[in-house]
Amino acid sequence: MFRNDVYVTKYGEFSSSQISSAKLSLRKSIFFLLLYVDPETKSSYQDVDVEDAFHSLQLRLNGLNSILLEPPELVTVMSLIESAL
């Protein structure tokens, strides 16, 4: 819940810029993994442990899910990430 441009959670308060930075970081991680699984670009990322990257992303999303009090939108995001592996 936002209050005075601050997101209030059970763990404290996060500024809108912190939330924006976290969303940007997650988007970059997701798009990177999309590049990795794309047959056209996959060969450029042979040194990446894709299972570890997916697992790390899932942990970050799970933590965000807890902090944001389990918003329904994250269910869709997490299920899409799981199905991509």
PDB file of N, CA and C in Angstrom:
ATOM      1  N   MET A   1       0.842  -1.165   0.000  1.00  0.00           N
ATOM      2  CA  MET A   1       0.000   0.000   0.000  1.00  0.00           C
ATOM      3  C   MET A   1       0.894   1.236   0.000  1.00  0.00           C
ATOM      4  N   PHE A   2       0.602   2.166  -0.931  1.00  0.00           N
ATOM      5  CA  PHE A   2       1.356   3.415  -0.993  1.00  0.00           C
ATOM      6  C   PHE A   2       0.753   4.445  -0.052  1.00  0.00           C
ATOM      7  N   ARG A   3       1.626   5.165   0.619  1.00  0.00           N
ATOM      8  CA  ARG A   3       1.219   6.263   1.478  1.00  0.00           C
ATOM      9  C   ARG A   3       2.289   7.352   1.355  1.00  0.00           C
ATOM     10  N   ASN A   4       1.900   8.500   0.836  1.00  0.00           N
ATOM     11  CA  ASN A   4       2.842   9.616   0.654  1.00  0.00           C
ATOM     12  C   ASN A   4       4.067   9.210  -0.157  1.00  0.00           C
ATOM     13  N   ASP A   5       3.825   8.537  -1.289  1.00  0.00           N
ATOM     14  CA  ASP A   5       4.889   8.101  -2.201  1.00  0.00           C
ATOM     15  C   ASP A   5       5.845   7.087  -1.564  1.00  0.00           C
ATOM     16  N   VAL A   6       5.373   6.388  -0.539  1.00  0.00           N
ATOM     17  CA  VAL A   6       6.163   5.355   0.137  1.00  0.00           C
ATOM     18  C   VAL A   6       5.317   4.089   0.174  1.00  0.00           C
ATOM     19  N   TYR A   7       5.936   2.956  -0.189  1.00  0.00           N
ATOM     20  CA  TYR A   7       5.229   1.681  -0.137  1.00  0.00           C
ATOM     21  C   TYR A   7       5.457   1.068   1.239  1.00  0.00           C
ATOM     22  N   VAL A   8       4.368   0.843   1.959  1.00  0.00           N
ATOM     23  CA  VAL A   8       4.441   0.322   3.317  1.00  0.00           C
ATOM     24  C   VAL A   8       4.217  -1.186   3.282  1.00  0.00           C
ATOM     25  N   THR A   9       5.154  -1.932   3.853  1.00  0.00           N
ATOM     26  CA  THR A   9       5.057  -3.391   3.899  1.00  0.00           C
ATOM     27  C   THR A   9       5.226  -3.853   5.345  1.00  0.00           C
ATOM     28  N   LYS A  10       5.104  -5.150   5.528  1.00  0.00           N
ATOM     29  CA  LYS A  10       5.300  -5.689   6.868  1.00  0.00           C
ATOM     30  C   LYS A  10       6.760  -5.586   7.310  1.00  0.00           C
ATOM     31  N   TYR A  11       7.674  -5.322   6.367  1.00  0.00           N
ATOM     32  CA  TYR A  11       9.095  -5.203   6.697  1.00  0.00           C
ATOM     33  C   TYR A  11       9.572  -3.760   6.800  1.00  0.00           C
ATOM     34  N   GLY A  12       8.677  -2.824   6.583  1.00  0.00           N
ATOM     35  CA  GLY A  12       9.066  -1.429   6.654  1.00  0.00           C
ATOM     36  C   GLY A  12       8.561  -0.673   5.445  1.00  0.00           C
ATOM     37  N   GLU A  13       9.204   0.433   5.159  1.00  0.00           N
ATOM     38  CA  GLU A  13       8.775   1.297   4.072  1.00  0.00           C
ATOM     39  C   GLU A  13       9.812   1.328   2.962  1.00  0.00           C
ATOM     40  N   PHE A  14       9.320   1.372   1.724  1.00  0.00           N
ATOM     41  CA  PHE A  14      10.177   1.457   0.551  1.00  0.00           C
ATOM     42  C   PHE A  14       9.731   2.652  -0.279  1.00  0.00           C
ATOM     43  N   SER A  15      10.692   3.453  -0.713  1.00  0.00           N
ATOM     44  CA  SER A  15      10.345   4.604  -1.538  1.00  0.00           C
ATOM     45  C   SER A  15       9.937   4.122  -2.929  1.00  0.00           C
ATOM     46  N   SER A  16       9.237   4.984  -3.649  1.00  0.00           N
ATOM     47  CA  SER A  16       8.829   4.620  -5.004  1.00  0.00           C
ATOM     48  C   SER A  16      10.052   4.394  -5.891  1.00  0.00           C
ATOM     49  N   SER A  17      11.153   5.100  -5.630  1.00  0.00           N
ATOM     50  CA  SER A  17      12.363   4.882  -6.431  1.00  0.00           C
ATOM     51  C   SER A  17      12.981   3.507  -6.134  1.00  0.00           C
ATOM     52  N   GLN A  18      12.893   3.042  -4.894  1.00  0.00           N
ATOM     53  CA  GLN A  18      13.378   1.696  -4.576  1.00  0.00           C
ATOM     54  C   GLN A  18      12.539   0.641  -5.293  1.00  0.00           C
ATOM     55  N   ILE A  19      11.226   0.824  -5.297  1.00  0.00           N
ATOM     56  CA  ILE A  19      10.342  -0.120  -5.986  1.00  0.00           C
ATOM     57  C   ILE A  19      10.628  -0.105  -7.477  1.00  0.00           C
ATOM     58  N   SER A  20      10.808   1.074  -8.055  1.00  0.00           N
ATOM     59  CA  SER A  20      11.115   1.192  -9.488  1.00  0.00           C
ATOM     60  C   SER A  20      12.432   0.498  -9.825  1.00  0.00           C
ATOM     61  N   SER A  21      13.437   0.685  -8.985  1.00  0.00           N
ATOM     62  CA  SER A  21      14.737   0.035  -9.213  1.00  0.00           C
ATOM     63  C   SER A  21      14.618  -1.479  -9.132  1.00  0.00           C
ATOM     64  N   ALA A  22      13.855  -1.963  -8.172  1.00  0.00           N
ATOM     65  CA  ALA A  22      13.670  -3.414  -8.034  1.00  0.00           C
ATOM     66  C   ALA A  22      12.942  -3.981  -9.249  1.00  0.00           C
ATOM     67  N   LYS A  23      11.921  -3.278  -9.727  1.00  0.00           N
ATOM     68  CA  LYS A  23      11.183  -3.750 -10.903  1.00  0.00           C
ATOM     69  C   LYS A  23      12.078  -3.757 -12.135  1.00  0.00           C
ATOM     70  N   LEU A  24      12.887  -2.722 -12.299  1.00  0.00           N
ATOM     71  CA  LEU A  24      13.797  -2.659 -13.440  1.00  0.00           C
ATOM     72  C   LEU A  24      14.808  -3.804 -13.395  1.00  0.00           C
ATOM     73  N   SER A  25      15.355  -4.056 -12.232  1.00  0.00           N
ATOM     74  CA  SER A  25      16.312  -5.146 -12.078  1.00  0.00           C
ATOM     75  C   SER A  25      15.682  -6.503 -12.407  1.00  0.00           C
ATOM     76  N   LEU A  26      14.463  -6.719 -11.934  1.00  0.00           N
ATOM     77  CA  LEU A  26      13.760  -7.975 -12.245  1.00  0.00           C
ATOM     78  C   LEU A  26      13.482  -8.095 -13.737  1.00  0.00           C
ATOM     79  N   ARG A  27      13.032  -7.001 -14.356  1.00  0.00           N
ATOM     80  CA  ARG A  27      12.779  -7.033 -15.807  1.00  0.00           C
ATOM     81  C   ARG A  27      14.038  -7.392 -16.575  1.00  0.00           C
ATOM     82  N   LYS A  28      15.170  -6.798 -16.187  1.00  0.00           N
ATOM     83  CA  LYS A  28      16.430  -7.101 -16.862  1.00  0.00           C
ATOM     84  C   LYS A  28      16.794  -8.572 -16.707  1.00  0.00           C
ATOM     85  N   SER A  29      16.582  -9.118 -15.529  1.00  0.00           N
ATOM     86  CA  SER A  29      16.878 -10.541 -15.303  1.00  0.00           C
ATOM     87  C   SER A  29      15.983 -11.428 -16.164  1.00  0.00           C
ATOM     88  N   ILE A  30      14.720 -11.070 -16.256  1.00  0.00           N
ATOM     89  CA  ILE A  30      13.777 -11.857 -17.061  1.00  0.00           C
ATOM     90  C   ILE A  30      14.153 -11.771 -18.535  1.00  0.00           C
ATOM     91  N   PHE A  31      14.434 -10.574 -19.026  1.00  0.00           N
ATOM     92  CA  PHE A  31      14.787 -10.431 -20.436  1.00  0.00           C
ATOM     93  C   PHE A  31      16.095 -11.133 -20.753  1.00  0.00           C
ATOM     94  N   PHE A  32      17.041 -11.115 -19.816  1.00  0.00           N
ATOM     95  CA  PHE A  32      18.286 -11.854 -20.030  1.00  0.00           C
ATOM     96  C   PHE A  32      17.993 -13.341 -20.205  1.00  0.00           C
ATOM     97  N   LEU A  33      17.142 -13.891 -19.353  1.00  0.00           N
ATOM     98  CA  LEU A  33      16.826 -15.317 -19.455  1.00  0.00           C
ATOM     99  C   LEU A  33      16.083 -15.624 -20.746  1.00  0.00           C
ATOM    100  N   LEU A  34      15.273 -14.700 -21.213  1.00  0.00           N
ATOM    101  CA  LEU A  34      14.611 -14.895 -22.500  1.00  0.00           C
ATOM    102  C   LEU A  34      15.642 -14.981 -23.624  1.00  0.00           C
ATOM    103  N   LEU A  35      16.670 -14.154 -23.554  1.00  0.00           N
ATOM    104  CA  LEU A  35      17.739 -14.238 -24.550  1.00  0.00           C
ATOM    105  C   LEU A  35      18.443 -15.585 -24.474  1.00  0.00           C
ATOM    106  N   TYR A  36      18.614 -16.077 -23.268  1.00  0.00           N
ATOM    107  CA  TYR A  36      19.309 -17.349 -23.102  1.00  0.00           C
ATOM    108  C   TYR A  36      18.524 -18.516 -23.684  1.00  0.00           C
ATOM    109  N   VAL A  37      17.226 -18.529 -23.524  1.00  0.00           N
ATOM    110  CA  VAL A  37      16.445 -19.665 -24.015  1.00  0.00           C
ATOM    111  C   VAL A  37      16.051 -19.524 -25.483  1.00  0.00           C
ATOM    112  N   ASP A  38      16.261 -18.353 -26.073  1.00  0.00           N
ATOM    113  CA  ASP A  38      15.963 -18.149 -27.491  1.00  0.00           C
ATOM    114  C   ASP A  38      17.030 -18.853 -28.340  1.00  0.00           C
ATOM    115  N   PRO A  39      16.619 -19.768 -29.223  1.00  0.00           N
ATOM    116  CA  PRO A  39      17.594 -20.486 -30.050  1.00  0.00           C
ATOM    117  C   PRO A  39      18.481 -19.555 -30.894  1.00  0.00           C
ATOM    118  N   GLU A  40      17.981 -18.386 -31.233  1.00  0.00           N
ATOM    119  CA  GLU A  40      18.738 -17.435 -32.059  1.00  0.00           C
ATOM    120  C   GLU A  40      19.894 -16.791 -31.293  1.00  0.00           C
ATOM    121  N   THR A  41      19.771 -16.639 -29.988  1.00  0.00           N
ATOM    122  CA  THR A  41      20.787 -15.918 -29.206  1.00  0.00           C
ATOM    123  C   THR A  41      21.459 -16.781 -28.139  1.00  0.00           C
ATOM    124  N   LYS A  42      20.970 -17.982 -27.951  1.00  0.00           N
ATOM    125  CA  LYS A  42      21.453 -18.854 -26.870  1.00  0.00           C
ATOM    126  C   LYS A  42      22.963 -19.102 -26.924  1.00  0.00           C
ATOM    127  N   SER A  43      23.523 -19.235 -28.114  1.00  0.00           N
ATOM    128  CA  SER A  43      24.946 -19.567 -28.241  1.00  0.00           C
ATOM    129  C   SER A  43      25.858 -18.470 -27.682  1.00  0.00           C
ATOM    130  N   SER A  44      25.357 -17.263 -27.566  1.00  0.00           N
ATOM    131  CA  SER A  44      26.162 -16.165 -27.030  1.00  0.00           C
ATOM    132  C   SER A  44      26.338 -16.246 -25.510  1.00  0.00           C
ATOM    133  N   TYR A  45      25.576 -17.134 -24.855  1.00  0.00           N
ATOM    134  CA  TYR A  45      25.562 -17.183 -23.392  1.00  0.00           C
ATOM    135  C   TYR A  45      25.892 -18.585 -22.870  1.00  0.00           C
ATOM    136  N   GLN A  46      26.844 -19.251 -23.480  1.00  0.00           N
ATOM    137  CA  GLN A  46      27.164 -20.619 -23.099  1.00  0.00           C
ATOM    138  C   GLN A  46      27.774 -20.727 -21.708  1.00  0.00           C
ATOM    139  N   ASP A  47      28.358 -19.660 -21.201  1.00  0.00           N
ATOM    140  CA  ASP A  47      28.990 -19.699 -19.877  1.00  0.00           C
ATOM    141  C   ASP A  47      28.000 -19.493 -18.741  1.00  0.00           C
ATOM    142  N   VAL A  48      26.735 -19.290 -19.058  1.00  0.00           N
ATOM    143  CA  VAL A  48      25.725 -19.007 -18.036  1.00  0.00           C
ATOM    144  C   VAL A  48      25.117 -20.307 -17.531  1.00  0.00           C
ATOM    145  N   ASP A  49      25.044 -20.444 -16.215  1.00  0.00           N
ATOM    146  CA  ASP A  49      24.334 -21.573 -15.615  1.00  0.00           C
ATOM    147  C   ASP A  49      22.865 -21.183 -15.550  1.00  0.00           C
ATOM    148  N   VAL A  50      22.110 -21.602 -16.569  1.00  0.00           N
ATOM    149  CA  VAL A  50      20.732 -21.138 -16.708  1.00  0.00           C
ATOM    150  C   VAL A  50      19.852 -21.609 -15.560  1.00  0.00           C
ATOM    151  N   GLU A  51      20.070 -22.814 -15.070  1.00  0.00           N
ATOM    152  CA  GLU A  51      19.263 -23.291 -13.939  1.00  0.00           C
ATOM    153  C   GLU A  51      19.507 -22.443 -12.693  1.00  0.00           C
ATOM    154  N   ASP A  52      20.740 -22.070 -12.467  1.00  0.00           N
ATOM    155  CA  ASP A  52      21.061 -21.218 -11.327  1.00  0.00           C
ATOM    156  C   ASP A  52      20.442 -19.826 -11.494  1.00  0.00           C
ATOM    157  N   ALA A  53      20.501 -19.294 -12.703  1.00  0.00           N
ATOM    158  CA  ALA A  53      19.909 -17.980 -12.968  1.00  0.00           C
ATOM    159  C   ALA A  53      18.394 -18.025 -12.769  1.00  0.00           C
ATOM    160  N   PHE A  54      17.741 -19.078 -13.247  1.00  0.00           N
ATOM    161  CA  PHE A  54      16.298 -19.226 -13.045  1.00  0.00           C
ATOM    162  C   PHE A  54      15.971 -19.351 -11.558  1.00  0.00           C
ATOM    163  N   HIS A  55      16.742 -20.159 -10.865  1.00  0.00           N
ATOM    164  CA  HIS A  55      16.499 -20.361  -9.432  1.00  0.00           C
ATOM    165  C   HIS A  55      16.665 -19.046  -8.664  1.00  0.00           C
ATOM    166  N   SER A  56      17.700 -18.295  -8.989  1.00  0.00           N
ATOM    167  CA  SER A  56      17.932 -17.008  -8.343  1.00  0.00           C
ATOM    168  C   SER A  56      16.770 -16.052  -8.597  1.00  0.00           C
ATOM    169  N   LEU A  57      16.284 -16.020  -9.821  1.00  0.00           N
ATOM    170  CA  LEU A  57      15.149 -15.162 -10.152  1.00  0.00           C
ATOM    171  C   LEU A  57      13.896 -15.595  -9.391  1.00  0.00           C
ATOM    172  N   GLN A  58      13.677 -16.885  -9.302  1.00  0.00           N
ATOM    173  CA  GLN A  58      12.514 -17.382  -8.558  1.00  0.00           C
ATOM    174  C   GLN A  58      12.601 -16.999  -7.080  1.00  0.00           C
ATOM    175  N   LEU A  59      13.780 -17.069  -6.495  1.00  0.00           N
ATOM    176  CA  LEU A  59      13.953 -16.665  -5.094  1.00  0.00           C
ATOM    177  C   LEU A  59      13.674 -15.175  -4.908  1.00  0.00           C
ATOM    178  N   ARG A  60      14.150 -14.369  -5.844  1.00  0.00           N
ATOM    179  CA  ARG A  60      13.896 -12.924  -5.762  1.00  0.00           C
ATOM    180  C   ARG A  60      12.400 -12.634  -5.861  1.00  0.00           C
ATOM    181  N   LEU A  61      11.720 -13.312  -6.788  1.00  0.00           N
ATOM    182  CA  LEU A  61      10.278 -13.110  -6.932  1.00  0.00           C
ATOM    183  C   LEU A  61       9.526 -13.585  -5.694  1.00  0.00           C
ATOM    184  N   ASN A  62       9.969 -14.693  -5.121  1.00  0.00           N
ATOM    185  CA  ASN A  62       9.337 -15.196  -3.906  1.00  0.00           C
ATOM    186  C   ASN A  62       9.499 -14.203  -2.754  1.00  0.00           C
ATOM    187  N   GLY A  63      10.677 -13.619  -2.627  1.00  0.00           N
ATOM    188  CA  GLY A  63      10.890 -12.615  -1.594  1.00  0.00           C
ATOM    189  C   GLY A  63      10.035 -11.382  -1.828  1.00  0.00           C
ATOM    190  N   LEU A  64       9.954 -10.956  -3.074  1.00  0.00           N
ATOM    191  CA  LEU A  64       9.112  -9.813  -3.410  1.00  0.00           C
ATOM    192  C   LEU A  64       7.651 -10.116  -3.120  1.00  0.00           C
ATOM    193  N   ASN A  65       7.247 -11.330  -3.405  1.00  0.00           N
ATOM    194  CA  ASN A  65       5.885 -11.758  -3.130  1.00  0.00           C
ATOM    195  C   ASN A  65       5.569 -11.618  -1.641  1.00  0.00           C
ATOM    196  N   SER A  66       6.499 -12.004  -0.788  1.00  0.00           N
ATOM    197  CA  SER A  66       6.294 -11.872   0.660  1.00  0.00           C
ATOM    198  C   SER A  66       6.245 -10.417   1.095  1.00  0.00           C
ATOM    199  N   ILE A  67       7.184  -9.626   0.598  1.00  0.00           N
ATOM    200  CA  ILE A  67       7.250  -8.220   0.982  1.00  0.00           C
ATOM    201  C   ILE A  67       5.984  -7.475   0.568  1.00  0.00           C
ATOM    202  N   LEU A  68       5.487  -7.782  -0.633  1.00  0.00           N
ATOM    203  CA  LEU A  68       4.324  -7.064  -1.161  1.00  0.00           C
ATOM    204  C   LEU A  68       3.003  -7.711  -0.765  1.00  0.00           C
ATOM    205  N   LEU A  69       3.057  -8.636   0.191  1.00  0.00           N
ATOM    206  CA  LEU A  69       1.860  -9.289   0.727  1.00  0.00           C
ATOM    207  C   LEU A  69       1.074 -10.055  -0.332  1.00  0.00           C
ATOM    208  N   GLU A  70       1.806 -10.781  -1.148  1.00  0.00           N
ATOM    209  CA  GLU A  70       1.261 -11.742  -2.110  1.00  0.00           C
ATOM    210  C   GLU A  70       0.257 -11.162  -3.104  1.00  0.00           C
ATOM    211  N   PRO A  71       0.707 -10.204  -3.923  1.00  0.00           N
ATOM    212  CA  PRO A  71      -0.202  -9.667  -4.938  1.00  0.00           C
ATOM    213  C   PRO A  71      -0.483 -10.719  -6.008  1.00  0.00           C
ATOM    214  N   PRO A  72      -1.713 -10.811  -6.483  1.00  0.00           N
ATOM    215  CA  PRO A  72      -2.080 -11.853  -7.450  1.00  0.00           C
ATOM    216  C   PRO A  72      -1.281 -11.790  -8.752  1.00  0.00           C
ATOM    217  N   GLU A  73      -0.812 -10.610  -9.136  1.00  0.00           N
ATOM    218  CA  GLU A  73      -0.058 -10.476 -10.386  1.00  0.00           C
ATOM    219  C   GLU A  73       1.228 -11.291 -10.378  1.00  0.00           C
ATOM    220  N   LEU A  74       1.800 -11.480  -9.213  1.00  0.00           N
ATOM    221  CA  LEU A  74       3.050 -12.238  -9.149  1.00  0.00           C
ATOM    222  C   LEU A  74       2.843 -13.723  -9.398  1.00  0.00           C
ATOM    223  N   VAL A  75       1.648 -14.226  -9.187  1.00  0.00           N
ATOM    224  CA  VAL A  75       1.366 -15.634  -9.487  1.00  0.00           C
ATOM    225  C   VAL A  75       1.586 -15.887 -10.975  1.00  0.00           C
ATOM    226  N   THR A  76       1.073 -15.000 -11.799  1.00  0.00           N
ATOM    227  CA  THR A  76       1.238 -15.135 -13.248  1.00  0.00           C
ATOM    228  C   THR A  76       2.693 -15.047 -13.641  1.00  0.00           C
ATOM    229  N   VAL A  77       3.403 -14.060 -13.104  1.00  0.00           N
ATOM    230  CA  VAL A  77       4.817 -13.888 -13.429  1.00  0.00           C
ATOM    231  C   VAL A  77       5.617 -15.126 -13.023  1.00  0.00           C
ATOM    232  N   MET A  78       5.392 -15.603 -11.807  1.00  0.00           N
ATOM    233  CA  MET A  78       6.149 -16.761 -11.314  1.00  0.00           C
ATOM    234  C   MET A  78       5.831 -18.024 -12.103  1.00  0.00           C
ATOM    235  N   SER A  79       4.575 -18.206 -12.496  1.00  0.00           N
ATOM    236  CA  SER A  79       4.234 -19.394 -13.269  1.00  0.00           C
ATOM    237  C   SER A  79       4.834 -19.345 -14.666  1.00  0.00           C
ATOM    238  N   LEU A  80       4.897 -18.156 -15.266  1.00  0.00           N
ATOM    239  CA  LEU A  80       5.525 -18.018 -16.576  1.00  0.00           C
ATOM    240  C   LEU A  80       7.025 -18.284 -16.506  1.00  0.00           C
ATOM    241  N   ILE A  81       7.658 -17.800 -15.457  1.00  0.00           N
ATOM    242  CA  ILE A  81       9.095 -18.059 -15.275  1.00  0.00           C
ATOM    243  C   ILE A  81       9.336 -19.558 -15.105  1.00  0.00           C
ATOM    244  N   GLU A  82       8.502 -20.209 -14.301  1.00  0.00           N
ATOM    245  CA  GLU A  82       8.642 -21.654 -14.080  1.00  0.00           C
ATOM    246  C   GLU A  82       8.458 -22.432 -15.385  1.00  0.00           C
ATOM    247  N   SER A  83       7.485 -22.047 -16.174  1.00  0.00           N
ATOM    248  CA  SER A  83       7.212 -22.792 -17.420  1.00  0.00           C
ATOM    249  C   SER A  83       8.287 -22.568 -18.461  1.00  0.00           C
ATOM    250  N   ALA A  84       9.024 -21.462 -18.366  1.00  0.00           N
ATOM    251  CA  ALA A  84      10.070 -21.168 -19.347  1.00  0.00           C
ATOM    252  C   ALA A  84      11.265 -22.093 -19.193  1.00  0.00           C
ATOM    253  N   LEU A  85      11.480 -22.622 -18.008  1.00  0.00           N
ATOM    254  CA  LEU A  85      12.626 -23.501 -17.780  1.00  0.00           C
ATOM    255  C   LEU A  85      12.346 -24.836 -18.379  1.00  0.00           C
TER     256      LEU A  85
END
